Amino acid sequence: MSETQHKEKYYERFDAYSRFLHILVIISFISLAITGMIIKFAGVGIFQTLSDFLGGYEVTGFIHRVGAILTFLYFFLHITYLLKKTHGRRTSILSLLKGENSLMFNRKDITELIQTFKWFIGKGPRPQYGRWTYWEKFDYWAVFWGVSMIGGSGLILWFPEFFTSLGLPGSVINVATIIHSDEALLAVGFIFTYHFFNTHFRPDKFPIDTVIFTGKVHLAELKDDRPREYDAIMNDPELQKKIGDAPSEFLGKIAKVFGFTALSIGIFLVILIIYSMVFLYQ
C-alpha cells in the first residue's frame, strides 16, 4: 500500500453489531439516568419540573422500566456475541481472557498506566497502546458491575413480592433501595465525567471520537494513537481485509449529532445533580 493510499484509508475497528449494541447502551443509560435521578431527587423542585416536562412520575417510571429492559437485552446480546465468536472460529475463549486483544486486565495495563503518568509530566514517551487501553477496560467492566449491582437491586424493587416469597426478609428491599440509588448516582457521575472525558474532551479526540458510531478510524490516526494495534494489522492479512474507504459523510454527520446530543444531556444532568446536592437536596 502506497503512502498516498495509506492516507486515504480507514480501518473498521467495530463491526455493525457492536455499534448497534453501543447505541442501545447509550439510549438505555440516558433513559435510566434521567428518570432515575428524577426519582432519587423527587423532593427537589427542578427535578419535579423535569418530571412534569416528561409527563409525570407515571411516565418517568415507565421509561425507567423500559430502559431497564433494554439494559438486560444488550447485556444478553453481548454475552451471546462473545460466545458466538468462540464457536468454530479463530477466536478462542483463552484469547478472550489472555490474548493481546483481551479485555481482561493484565500486567501490561499496569505498565501502561505508569507510562501514561510519566508521559503526563514529561518524564517519558507516550505509551504504545494496543487494541484496548486500561481506561477502556475499566469502562467495559464497569458495565458488568452496574448490571449486576444496579440491575439486580432494581429487579428486587420491581418485583418485591416475588423475591420476598422466595424467603428473603423484608429488610432486603431496604438494602436494595440504598444500593440501587447510590450505585446509580455513582454510575451517572462516572459515565458523564470520566467516560465523557475519554471520548470527548481528551485533546487528541476533542470534540468527539465518532469511531464507535461509524466503526472506522483513519489509519494515520490509528498508527499514532494505538501503535501496537496498527502493527498487528499491518502484519496480518486477515485484519487488512478490514481496511477500506472512509465512512459516508452522512453517517459521520449522524454520529456527531447523536454524540453531541448524548454529551449535552449528560453534562446538563451532572449540573442539575451537583446543583441539587449542594443547594437543594436534604
C-alpha atoms as a PDB file:
ATOM      1  CA  MET A   1       0.000   0.000   0.000  1.00  0.00           C
ATOM      2  CA  SER A   2       1.487   3.324  -1.068  1.00  0.00           C
ATOM      3  CA  GLU A   3       1.810   6.313   1.270  1.00  0.00           C
ATOM      4  CA  THR A   4      -0.931   8.127  -0.669  1.00  0.00           C
ATOM      5  CA  GLN A   5      -3.289   5.144  -0.429  1.00  0.00           C
ATOM      6  CA  HIS A   6      -2.423   4.823   3.260  1.00  0.00           C
ATOM      7  CA  LYS A   7      -3.517   8.395   3.941  1.00  0.00           C
ATOM      8  CA  GLU A   8      -6.879   7.784   2.307  1.00  0.00           C
ATOM      9  CA  LYS A   9      -7.732   4.507   4.035  1.00  0.00           C
ATOM     10  CA  TYR A  10      -9.704   3.699   7.155  1.00  0.00           C
ATOM     11  CA  TYR A  11      -9.787   0.633   9.376  1.00  0.00           C
ATOM     12  CA  GLU A  12     -13.004  -0.881  10.713  1.00  0.00           C
ATOM     13  CA  ARG A  13     -12.412  -1.218  14.468  1.00  0.00           C
ATOM     14  CA  PHE A  14     -16.041  -2.000  15.343  1.00  0.00           C
ATOM     15  CA  ASP A  15     -18.473  -4.101  13.357  1.00  0.00           C
ATOM     16  CA  ALA A  16     -22.105  -3.118  12.838  1.00  0.00           C
ATOM     17  CA  TYR A  17     -23.341  -5.391  15.631  1.00  0.00           C
ATOM     18  CA  SER A  18     -21.022  -3.844  18.228  1.00  0.00           C
ATOM     19  CA  ARG A  19     -22.036  -0.353  17.143  1.00  0.00           C
ATOM     20  CA  PHE A  20     -25.704  -1.279  17.437  1.00  0.00           C
ATOM     21  CA  LEU A  21     -25.173  -2.594  20.975  1.00  0.00           C
ATOM     22  CA  HIS A  22     -23.382   0.587  21.948  1.00  0.00           C
ATOM     23  CA  ILE A  23     -26.313   2.657  20.705  1.00  0.00           C
ATOM     24  CA  LEU A  24     -28.586   0.515  22.895  1.00  0.00           C
ATOM     25  CA  VAL A  25     -26.239   1.181  25.820  1.00  0.00           C
ATOM     26  CA  ILE A  26     -26.435   4.940  25.249  1.00  0.00           C
ATOM     27  CA  ILE A  27     -30.212   5.048  24.846  1.00  0.00           C
ATOM     28  CA  SER A  28     -30.887   2.825  27.852  1.00  0.00           C
ATOM     29  CA  PHE A  29     -28.343   4.529  30.097  1.00  0.00           C
ATOM     30  CA  ILE A  30     -29.523   8.058  29.353  1.00  0.00           C
ATOM     31  CA  SER A  31     -33.148   6.974  29.849  1.00  0.00           C
ATOM     32  CA  LEU A  32     -32.287   5.352  33.173  1.00  0.00           C
ATOM     33  CA  ALA A  33     -30.088   8.256  34.262  1.00  0.00           C
ATOM     34  CA  ILE A  34     -32.695  10.946  33.655  1.00  0.00           C
ATOM     35  CA  THR A  35     -35.650   9.065  35.107  1.00  0.00           C
ATOM     36  CA  GLY A  36     -33.583   7.579  37.935  1.00  0.00           C
ATOM     37  CA  MET A  37     -32.332  10.962  39.081  1.00  0.00           C
ATOM     38  CA  ILE A  38     -35.894  12.294  38.894  1.00  0.00           C
ATOM     39  CA  ILE A  39     -36.888   9.544  41.328  1.00  0.00           C
ATOM     40  CA  LYS A  40     -33.847   9.986  43.576  1.00  0.00           C
ATOM     41  CA  PHE A  41     -34.304  13.765  43.790  1.00  0.00           C
ATOM     42  CA  ALA A  42     -38.105  13.655  43.817  1.00  0.00           C
ATOM     43  CA  GLY A  43     -38.233  16.302  46.533  1.00  0.00           C
ATOM     44  CA  VAL A  44     -36.166  18.801  44.555  1.00  0.00           C
ATOM     45  CA  GLY A  45     -38.170  21.337  42.580  1.00  0.00           C
ATOM     46  CA  ILE A  46     -36.001  21.340  39.477  1.00  0.00           C
ATOM     47  CA  PHE A  47     -36.354  17.570  39.100  1.00  0.00           C
ATOM     48  CA  GLN A  48     -40.087  17.812  39.759  1.00  0.00           C
ATOM     49  CA  THR A  49     -40.249  20.277  36.862  1.00  0.00           C
ATOM     50  CA  LEU A  50     -38.275  17.855  34.695  1.00  0.00           C
ATOM     51  CA  SER A  51     -40.703  15.084  35.631  1.00  0.00           C
ATOM     52  CA  ASP A  52     -43.683  17.261  34.680  1.00  0.00           C
ATOM     53  CA  PHE A  53     -41.980  18.067  31.366  1.00  0.00           C
ATOM     54  CA  LEU A  54     -41.692  14.344  30.598  1.00  0.00           C
ATOM     55  CA  GLY A  55     -45.298  13.645  31.541  1.00  0.00           C
ATOM     56  CA  GLY A  56     -45.246  12.993  35.283  1.00  0.00           C
ATOM     57  CA  TYR A  57     -43.904  10.283  37.539  1.00  0.00           C
ATOM     58  CA  GLU A  58     -46.026   7.537  35.987  1.00  0.00           C
ATOM     59  CA  VAL A  59     -44.439   8.244  32.612  1.00  0.00           C
ATOM     60  CA  THR A  60     -40.902   8.522  34.001  1.00  0.00           C
ATOM     61  CA  GLY A  61     -41.414   5.275  35.907  1.00  0.00           C
ATOM     62  CA  PHE A  62     -42.496   3.554  32.698  1.00  0.00           C
ATOM     63  CA  ILE A  63     -39.487   4.954  30.805  1.00  0.00           C
ATOM     64  CA  HIS A  64     -37.228   3.744  33.606  1.00  0.00           C
ATOM     65  CA  ARG A  65     -38.523   0.195  33.322  1.00  0.00           C
ATOM     66  CA  VAL A  66     -38.180   0.225  29.520  1.00  0.00           C
ATOM     67  CA  GLY A  67     -34.591   1.387  29.959  1.00  0.00           C
ATOM     68  CA  ALA A  68     -34.008  -1.487  32.367  1.00  0.00           C
ATOM     69  CA  ILE A  69     -35.354  -3.987  29.826  1.00  0.00           C
ATOM     70  CA  LEU A  70     -33.030  -2.543  27.170  1.00  0.00           C
ATOM     71  CA  THR A  71     -30.116  -2.906  29.593  1.00  0.00           C
ATOM     72  CA  PHE A  72     -30.747  -6.593  30.187  1.00  0.00           C
ATOM     73  CA  LEU A  73     -31.308  -7.023  26.446  1.00  0.00           C
ATOM     74  CA  TYR A  74     -27.975  -5.553  25.328  1.00  0.00           C
ATOM     75  CA  PHE A  75     -26.183  -7.401  28.120  1.00  0.00           C
ATOM     76  CA  PHE A  76     -27.646 -10.704  26.944  1.00  0.00           C
ATOM     77  CA  LEU A  77     -26.908  -9.896  23.297  1.00  0.00           C
ATOM     78  CA  HIS A  78     -23.304  -9.043  24.129  1.00  0.00           C
ATOM     79  CA  ILE A  79     -22.715 -12.280  26.044  1.00  0.00           C
ATOM     80  CA  THR A  80     -24.268 -14.178  23.120  1.00  0.00           C
ATOM     81  CA  TYR A  81     -21.973 -12.300  20.737  1.00  0.00           C
ATOM     82  CA  LEU A  82     -18.895 -13.313  22.741  1.00  0.00           C
ATOM     83  CA  LEU A  83     -19.963 -16.956  22.814  1.00  0.00           C
ATOM     84  CA  LYS A  84     -20.578 -16.991  19.058  1.00  0.00           C
ATOM     85  CA  LYS A  85     -17.114 -15.535  18.440  1.00  0.00           C
ATOM     86  CA  THR A  86     -15.550 -18.550  20.129  1.00  0.00           C
ATOM     87  CA  HIS A  87     -17.670 -21.113  18.257  1.00  0.00           C
ATOM     88  CA  GLY A  88     -15.997 -22.545  15.174  1.00  0.00           C
ATOM     89  CA  ARG A  89     -13.750 -19.537  14.629  1.00  0.00           C
ATOM     90  CA  ARG A  90     -10.144 -18.486  15.152  1.00  0.00           C
ATOM     91  CA  THR A  91     -11.062 -16.670  18.346  1.00  0.00           C
ATOM     92  CA  SER A  92     -10.747 -18.920  21.403  1.00  0.00           C
ATOM     93  CA  ILE A  93     -12.028 -18.475  24.928  1.00  0.00           C
ATOM     94  CA  LEU A  94      -8.391 -18.347  26.069  1.00  0.00           C
ATOM     95  CA  SER A  95      -7.660 -15.441  23.694  1.00  0.00           C
ATOM     96  CA  LEU A  96     -10.651 -13.563  25.080  1.00  0.00           C
ATOM     97  CA  LEU A  97      -9.208 -13.950  28.557  1.00  0.00           C
ATOM     98  CA  LYS A  98      -5.464 -13.645  27.984  1.00  0.00           C
ATOM     99  CA  GLY A  99      -4.750 -12.611  24.397  1.00  0.00           C
ATOM    100  CA  GLU A 100      -3.366  -9.336  23.079  1.00  0.00           C
ATOM    101  CA  ASN A 101      -6.904  -8.192  22.280  1.00  0.00           C
ATOM    102  CA  SER A 102      -8.384  -9.377  25.569  1.00  0.00           C
ATOM    103  CA  LEU A 103     -10.464  -7.019  27.660  1.00  0.00           C
ATOM    104  CA  MET A 104      -9.194  -8.645  30.834  1.00  0.00           C
ATOM    105  CA  PHE A 105      -6.753  -6.604  32.915  1.00  0.00           C
ATOM    106  CA  ASN A 106      -3.133  -7.745  32.804  1.00  0.00           C
ATOM    107  CA  ARG A 107       0.375  -6.597  33.736  1.00  0.00           C
ATOM    108  CA  LYS A 108       0.636  -4.612  30.521  1.00  0.00           C
ATOM    109  CA  ASP A 109      -2.162  -2.335  31.736  1.00  0.00           C
ATOM    110  CA  ILE A 110      -0.246  -1.552  34.937  1.00  0.00           C
ATOM    111  CA  THR A 111       2.861  -0.810  32.887  1.00  0.00           C
ATOM    112  CA  GLU A 112       0.936   1.475  30.535  1.00  0.00           C
ATOM    113  CA  LEU A 113      -0.753   3.230  33.449  1.00  0.00           C
ATOM    114  CA  ILE A 114       2.637   4.080  34.924  1.00  0.00           C
ATOM    115  CA  GLN A 115       3.945   5.089  31.488  1.00  0.00           C
ATOM    116  CA  THR A 116       0.927   7.329  30.988  1.00  0.00           C
ATOM    117  CA  PHE A 117       1.542   9.190  34.251  1.00  0.00           C
ATOM    118  CA  LYS A 118       5.184   9.673  33.283  1.00  0.00           C
ATOM    119  CA  TRP A 119       4.082  10.935  29.871  1.00  0.00           C
ATOM    120  CA  PHE A 120       1.689  13.402  31.513  1.00  0.00           C
ATOM    121  CA  ILE A 121       4.513  15.025  33.445  1.00  0.00           C
ATOM    122  CA  GLY A 122       7.039  14.892  30.618  1.00  0.00           C
ATOM    123  CA  LYS A 123       9.146  12.102  32.108  1.00  0.00           C
ATOM    124  CA  GLY A 124       8.648   9.574  29.329  1.00  0.00           C
ATOM    125  CA  PRO A 125       7.238   8.902  25.854  1.00  0.00           C
ATOM    126  CA  ARG A 126       3.612   8.212  25.093  1.00  0.00           C
ATOM    127  CA  PRO A 127       2.781   4.533  25.735  1.00  0.00           C
ATOM    128  CA  GLN A 128       2.463   2.224  22.740  1.00  0.00           C
ATOM    129  CA  TYR A 129      -1.214   1.412  23.284  1.00  0.00           C
ATOM    130  CA  GLY A 130      -2.777  -1.646  21.674  1.00  0.00           C
ATOM    131  CA  ARG A 131      -6.324  -2.675  20.832  1.00  0.00           C
ATOM    132  CA  TRP A 132      -7.665  -1.792  24.288  1.00  0.00           C
ATOM    133  CA  THR A 133      -6.323   0.703  26.803  1.00  0.00           C
ATOM    134  CA  TYR A 134      -6.585   0.297  30.577  1.00  0.00           C
ATOM    135  CA  TRP A 135      -9.287   3.012  30.798  1.00  0.00           C
ATOM    136  CA  GLU A 136     -11.387   1.289  28.134  1.00  0.00           C
ATOM    137  CA  LYS A 137     -11.160  -1.977  30.036  1.00  0.00           C
ATOM    138  CA  PHE A 138     -12.261  -0.132  33.163  1.00  0.00           C
ATOM    139  CA  ASP A 139     -15.252   1.248  31.227  1.00  0.00           C
ATOM    140  CA  TYR A 140     -16.086  -2.210  29.924  1.00  0.00           C
ATOM    141  CA  TRP A 141     -16.076  -3.983  33.279  1.00  0.00           C
ATOM    142  CA  ALA A 142     -17.961  -1.120  34.900  1.00  0.00           C
ATOM    143  CA  VAL A 143     -20.946  -2.182  32.791  1.00  0.00           C
ATOM    144  CA  PHE A 144     -20.806  -5.702  34.240  1.00  0.00           C
ATOM    145  CA  TRP A 145     -20.644  -4.247  37.747  1.00  0.00           C
ATOM    146  CA  GLY A 146     -23.514  -1.869  37.020  1.00  0.00           C
ATOM    147  CA  VAL A 147     -25.767  -4.516  35.526  1.00  0.00           C
ATOM    148  CA  SER A 148     -25.167  -6.887  38.431  1.00  0.00           C
ATOM    149  CA  MET A 149     -25.480  -4.324  41.257  1.00  0.00           C
ATOM    150  CA  ILE A 150     -27.922  -1.762  39.862  1.00  0.00           C
ATOM    151  CA  GLY A 151     -29.814  -4.237  37.686  1.00  0.00           C
ATOM    152  CA  GLY A 152     -30.036  -6.868  40.398  1.00  0.00           C
ATOM    153  CA  SER A 153     -31.251  -4.453  43.057  1.00  0.00           C
ATOM    154  CA  GLY A 154     -33.613  -2.906  40.514  1.00  0.00           C
ATOM    155  CA  LEU A 155     -35.260  -6.256  39.873  1.00  0.00           C
ATOM    156  CA  ILE A 156     -35.827  -6.700  43.609  1.00  0.00           C
ATOM    157  CA  LEU A 157     -37.502  -3.286  43.772  1.00  0.00           C
ATOM    158  CA  TRP A 158     -39.530  -4.020  40.642  1.00  0.00           C
ATOM    159  CA  PHE A 159     -40.799  -7.398  41.903  1.00  0.00           C
ATOM    160  CA  PRO A 160     -40.621  -7.214  45.718  1.00  0.00           C
ATOM    161  CA  GLU A 161     -43.452  -9.708  46.264  1.00  0.00           C
ATOM    162  CA  PHE A 162     -41.719 -12.336  44.163  1.00  0.00           C
ATOM    163  CA  PHE A 163     -38.364 -12.040  45.902  1.00  0.00           C
ATOM    164  CA  THR A 164     -39.805 -11.960  49.405  1.00  0.00           C
ATOM    165  CA  SER A 165     -41.900 -15.016  48.520  1.00  0.00           C
ATOM    166  CA  LEU A 166     -38.599 -16.837  47.995  1.00  0.00           C
ATOM    167  CA  GLY A 167     -37.837 -16.376  51.682  1.00  0.00           C
ATOM    168  CA  LEU A 168     -35.839 -13.146  51.546  1.00  0.00           C
ATOM    169  CA  PRO A 169     -36.500 -10.897  54.561  1.00  0.00           C
ATOM    170  CA  GLY A 170     -38.236  -7.573  54.047  1.00  0.00           C
ATOM    171  CA  SER A 171     -35.045  -5.756  55.027  1.00  0.00           C
ATOM    172  CA  VAL A 172     -33.582  -6.845  51.685  1.00  0.00           C
ATOM    173  CA  ILE A 173     -35.924  -4.364  49.990  1.00  0.00           C
ATOM    174  CA  ASN A 174     -34.451  -1.536  52.054  1.00  0.00           C
ATOM    175  CA  VAL A 175     -30.910  -2.653  51.271  1.00  0.00           C
ATOM    176  CA  ALA A 176     -31.776  -2.924  47.573  1.00  0.00           C
ATOM    177  CA  THR A 177     -33.172   0.619  47.643  1.00  0.00           C
ATOM    178  CA  ILE A 178     -29.917   2.001  49.032  1.00  0.00           C
ATOM    179  CA  ILE A 179     -27.745   0.017  46.632  1.00  0.00           C
ATOM    180  CA  HIS A 180     -29.864   0.907  43.618  1.00  0.00           C
ATOM    181  CA  SER A 181     -29.979   4.602  44.440  1.00  0.00           C
ATOM    182  CA  ASP A 182     -26.356   5.173  45.421  1.00  0.00           C
ATOM    183  CA  GLU A 183     -24.807   2.924  42.782  1.00  0.00           C
ATOM    184  CA  ALA A 184     -26.938   4.631  40.127  1.00  0.00           C
ATOM    185  CA  LEU A 185     -25.705   8.042  41.246  1.00  0.00           C
ATOM    186  CA  LEU A 186     -22.125   6.750  41.104  1.00  0.00           C
ATOM    187  CA  ALA A 187     -22.685   5.332  37.610  1.00  0.00           C
ATOM    188  CA  VAL A 188     -24.176   8.574  36.297  1.00  0.00           C
ATOM    189  CA  GLY A 189     -21.309  10.605  37.700  1.00  0.00           C
ATOM    190  CA  PHE A 190     -18.757   8.154  36.317  1.00  0.00           C
ATOM    191  CA  ILE A 191     -20.135   7.937  32.779  1.00  0.00           C
ATOM    192  CA  PHE A 192     -20.882  11.635  32.361  1.00  0.00           C
ATOM    193  CA  THR A 193     -17.440  12.716  33.606  1.00  0.00           C
ATOM    194  CA  TYR A 194     -14.753  10.003  33.279  1.00  0.00           C
ATOM    195  CA  HIS A 195     -16.135   8.349  30.159  1.00  0.00           C
ATOM    196  CA  PHE A 196     -17.098  11.635  28.521  1.00  0.00           C
ATOM    197  CA  PHE A 197     -13.586  12.958  29.086  1.00  0.00           C
ATOM    198  CA  ASN A 198     -12.075   9.999  27.247  1.00  0.00           C
ATOM    199  CA  THR A 199     -14.499  10.188  24.322  1.00  0.00           C
ATOM    200  CA  HIS A 200     -14.977  13.940  24.012  1.00  0.00           C
ATOM    201  CA  PHE A 201     -12.553  16.077  25.981  1.00  0.00           C
ATOM    202  CA  ARG A 202      -9.167  14.424  25.532  1.00  0.00           C
ATOM    203  CA  PRO A 203      -7.083  16.867  23.465  1.00  0.00           C
ATOM    204  CA  ASP A 204      -6.453  14.279  20.734  1.00  0.00           C
ATOM    205  CA  LYS A 205     -10.185  13.409  20.489  1.00  0.00           C
ATOM    206  CA  PHE A 206     -11.853  16.773  21.096  1.00  0.00           C
ATOM    207  CA  PRO A 207     -14.667  17.497  20.398  1.00  0.00           C
ATOM    208  CA  ILE A 208     -15.795  13.910  19.733  1.00  0.00           C
ATOM    209  CA  ASP A 209     -14.482  10.480  18.799  1.00  0.00           C
ATOM    210  CA  THR A 210     -17.004   9.076  16.311  1.00  0.00           C
ATOM    211  CA  VAL A 211     -15.386   5.671  15.760  1.00  0.00           C
ATOM    212  CA  ILE A 212     -17.934   3.845  17.940  1.00  0.00           C
ATOM    213  CA  PHE A 213     -20.696   5.159  15.664  1.00  0.00           C
ATOM    214  CA  THR A 214     -19.051   4.926  12.243  1.00  0.00           C
ATOM    215  CA  GLY A 215     -16.936   1.911  13.139  1.00  0.00           C
ATOM    216  CA  LYS A 216     -13.971   3.293  11.217  1.00  0.00           C
ATOM    217  CA  VAL A 217     -10.799   5.139  12.161  1.00  0.00           C
ATOM    218  CA  HIS A 218      -8.262   6.763   9.847  1.00  0.00           C
ATOM    219  CA  LEU A 219      -5.165   4.577   9.523  1.00  0.00           C
ATOM    220  CA  ALA A 220      -2.847   7.500  10.251  1.00  0.00           C
ATOM    221  CA  GLU A 221      -4.786   8.268  13.436  1.00  0.00           C
ATOM    222  CA  LEU A 222      -4.730   4.615  14.440  1.00  0.00           C
ATOM    223  CA  LYS A 223      -0.964   4.434  13.882  1.00  0.00           C
ATOM    224  CA  ASP A 224      -0.428   7.456  16.111  1.00  0.00           C
ATOM    225  CA  ASP A 225      -2.988   6.545  18.769  1.00  0.00           C
ATOM    226  CA  ARG A 226      -2.530   2.751  19.025  1.00  0.00           C
ATOM    227  CA  PRO A 227       0.812   1.729  17.518  1.00  0.00           C
ATOM    228  CA  ARG A 228       0.631  -1.891  18.703  1.00  0.00           C
ATOM    229  CA  GLU A 229      -2.762  -2.421  17.128  1.00  0.00           C
ATOM    230  CA  TYR A 230      -1.586  -0.757  13.910  1.00  0.00           C
ATOM    231  CA  ASP A 231       1.461  -3.031  13.723  1.00  0.00           C
ATOM    232  CA  ALA A 232      -0.716  -6.087  14.308  1.00  0.00           C
ATOM    233  CA  ILE A 233      -2.973  -5.064  11.422  1.00  0.00           C
ATOM    234  CA  MET A 234      -0.072  -4.441   9.061  1.00  0.00           C
ATOM    235  CA  ASN A 235       1.298  -7.917   9.852  1.00  0.00           C
ATOM    236  CA  ASP A 236      -1.986  -9.801   9.486  1.00  0.00           C
ATOM    237  CA  PRO A 237      -3.552 -10.221   6.009  1.00  0.00           C
ATOM    238  CA  GLU A 238      -6.891 -11.131   7.585  1.00  0.00           C
ATOM    239  CA  LEU A 239      -7.054  -7.887   9.559  1.00  0.00           C
ATOM    240  CA  GLN A 240      -6.022  -5.930   6.480  1.00  0.00           C
ATOM    241  CA  LYS A 241      -9.280  -7.009   4.855  1.00  0.00           C
ATOM    242  CA  LYS A 242     -10.978  -4.533   7.189  1.00  0.00           C
ATOM    243  CA  ILE A 243      -9.098  -1.639   5.611  1.00  0.00           C
ATOM    244  CA  GLY A 244     -11.286   0.369   3.265  1.00  0.00           C
ATOM    245  CA  ASP A 245     -12.703   3.733   2.385  1.00  0.00           C
ATOM    246  CA  ALA A 246     -13.846   6.452   4.760  1.00  0.00           C
ATOM    247  CA  PRO A 247     -17.329   6.230   6.315  1.00  0.00           C
ATOM    248  CA  SER A 248     -20.009   8.097   4.429  1.00  0.00           C
ATOM    249  CA  GLU A 249     -20.344  11.809   5.071  1.00  0.00           C
ATOM    250  CA  PHE A 250     -23.984  11.291   6.061  1.00  0.00           C
ATOM    251  CA  LEU A 251     -23.050   8.669   8.659  1.00  0.00           C
ATOM    252  CA  GLY A 252     -20.395  10.993  10.037  1.00  0.00           C
ATOM    253  CA  LYS A 253     -22.931  13.795  10.472  1.00  0.00           C
ATOM    254  CA  ILE A 254     -25.441  11.473  12.152  1.00  0.00           C
ATOM    255  CA  ALA A 255     -22.706  10.262  14.506  1.00  0.00           C
ATOM    256  CA  LYS A 256     -21.823  13.811  15.520  1.00  0.00           C
ATOM    257  CA  VAL A 257     -25.452  14.813  16.067  1.00  0.00           C
ATOM    258  CA  PHE A 258     -26.145  11.711  18.156  1.00  0.00           C
ATOM    259  CA  GLY A 259     -22.884  12.016  20.080  1.00  0.00           C
ATOM    260  CA  PHE A 260     -23.266  15.706  20.882  1.00  0.00           C
ATOM    261  CA  THR A 261     -26.890  15.137  21.917  1.00  0.00           C
ATOM    262  CA  ALA A 262     -25.803  12.480  24.415  1.00  0.00           C
ATOM    263  CA  LEU A 263     -22.987  14.760  25.591  1.00  0.00           C
ATOM    264  CA  SER A 264     -25.333  17.702  26.134  1.00  0.00           C
ATOM    265  CA  ILE A 265     -27.843  15.611  28.069  1.00  0.00           C
ATOM    266  CA  GLY A 266     -25.113  14.143  30.244  1.00  0.00           C
ATOM    267  CA  ILE A 267     -23.500  17.472  31.099  1.00  0.00           C
ATOM    268  CA  PHE A 268     -26.917  19.030  31.784  1.00  0.00           C
ATOM    269  CA  LEU A 269     -27.821  16.178  34.139  1.00  0.00           C
ATOM    270  CA  VAL A 270     -24.495  16.375  36.001  1.00  0.00           C
ATOM    271  CA  ILE A 271     -25.004  20.121  36.516  1.00  0.00           C
ATOM    272  CA  LEU A 272     -28.501  19.504  37.873  1.00  0.00           C
ATOM    273  CA  ILE A 273     -27.227  16.803  40.234  1.00  0.00           C
ATOM    274  CA  ILE A 274     -24.382  18.943  41.591  1.00  0.00           C
ATOM    275  CA  TYR A 275     -26.652  21.964  41.995  1.00  0.00           C
ATOM    276  CA  SER A 276     -29.315  19.906  43.741  1.00  0.00           C
ATOM    277  CA  MET A 277     -26.916  18.153  46.112  1.00  0.00           C
ATOM    278  CA  VAL A 278     -25.119  21.366  47.082  1.00  0.00           C
ATOM    279  CA  PHE A 279     -28.055  23.748  47.398  1.00  0.00           C
ATOM    280  CA  LEU A 280     -31.366  21.873  47.454  1.00  0.00           C
ATOM    281  CA  TYR A 281     -31.069  18.193  48.440  1.00  0.00           C
ATOM    282  CA  GLN A 282     -31.702  17.258  52.078  1.00  0.00           C
END
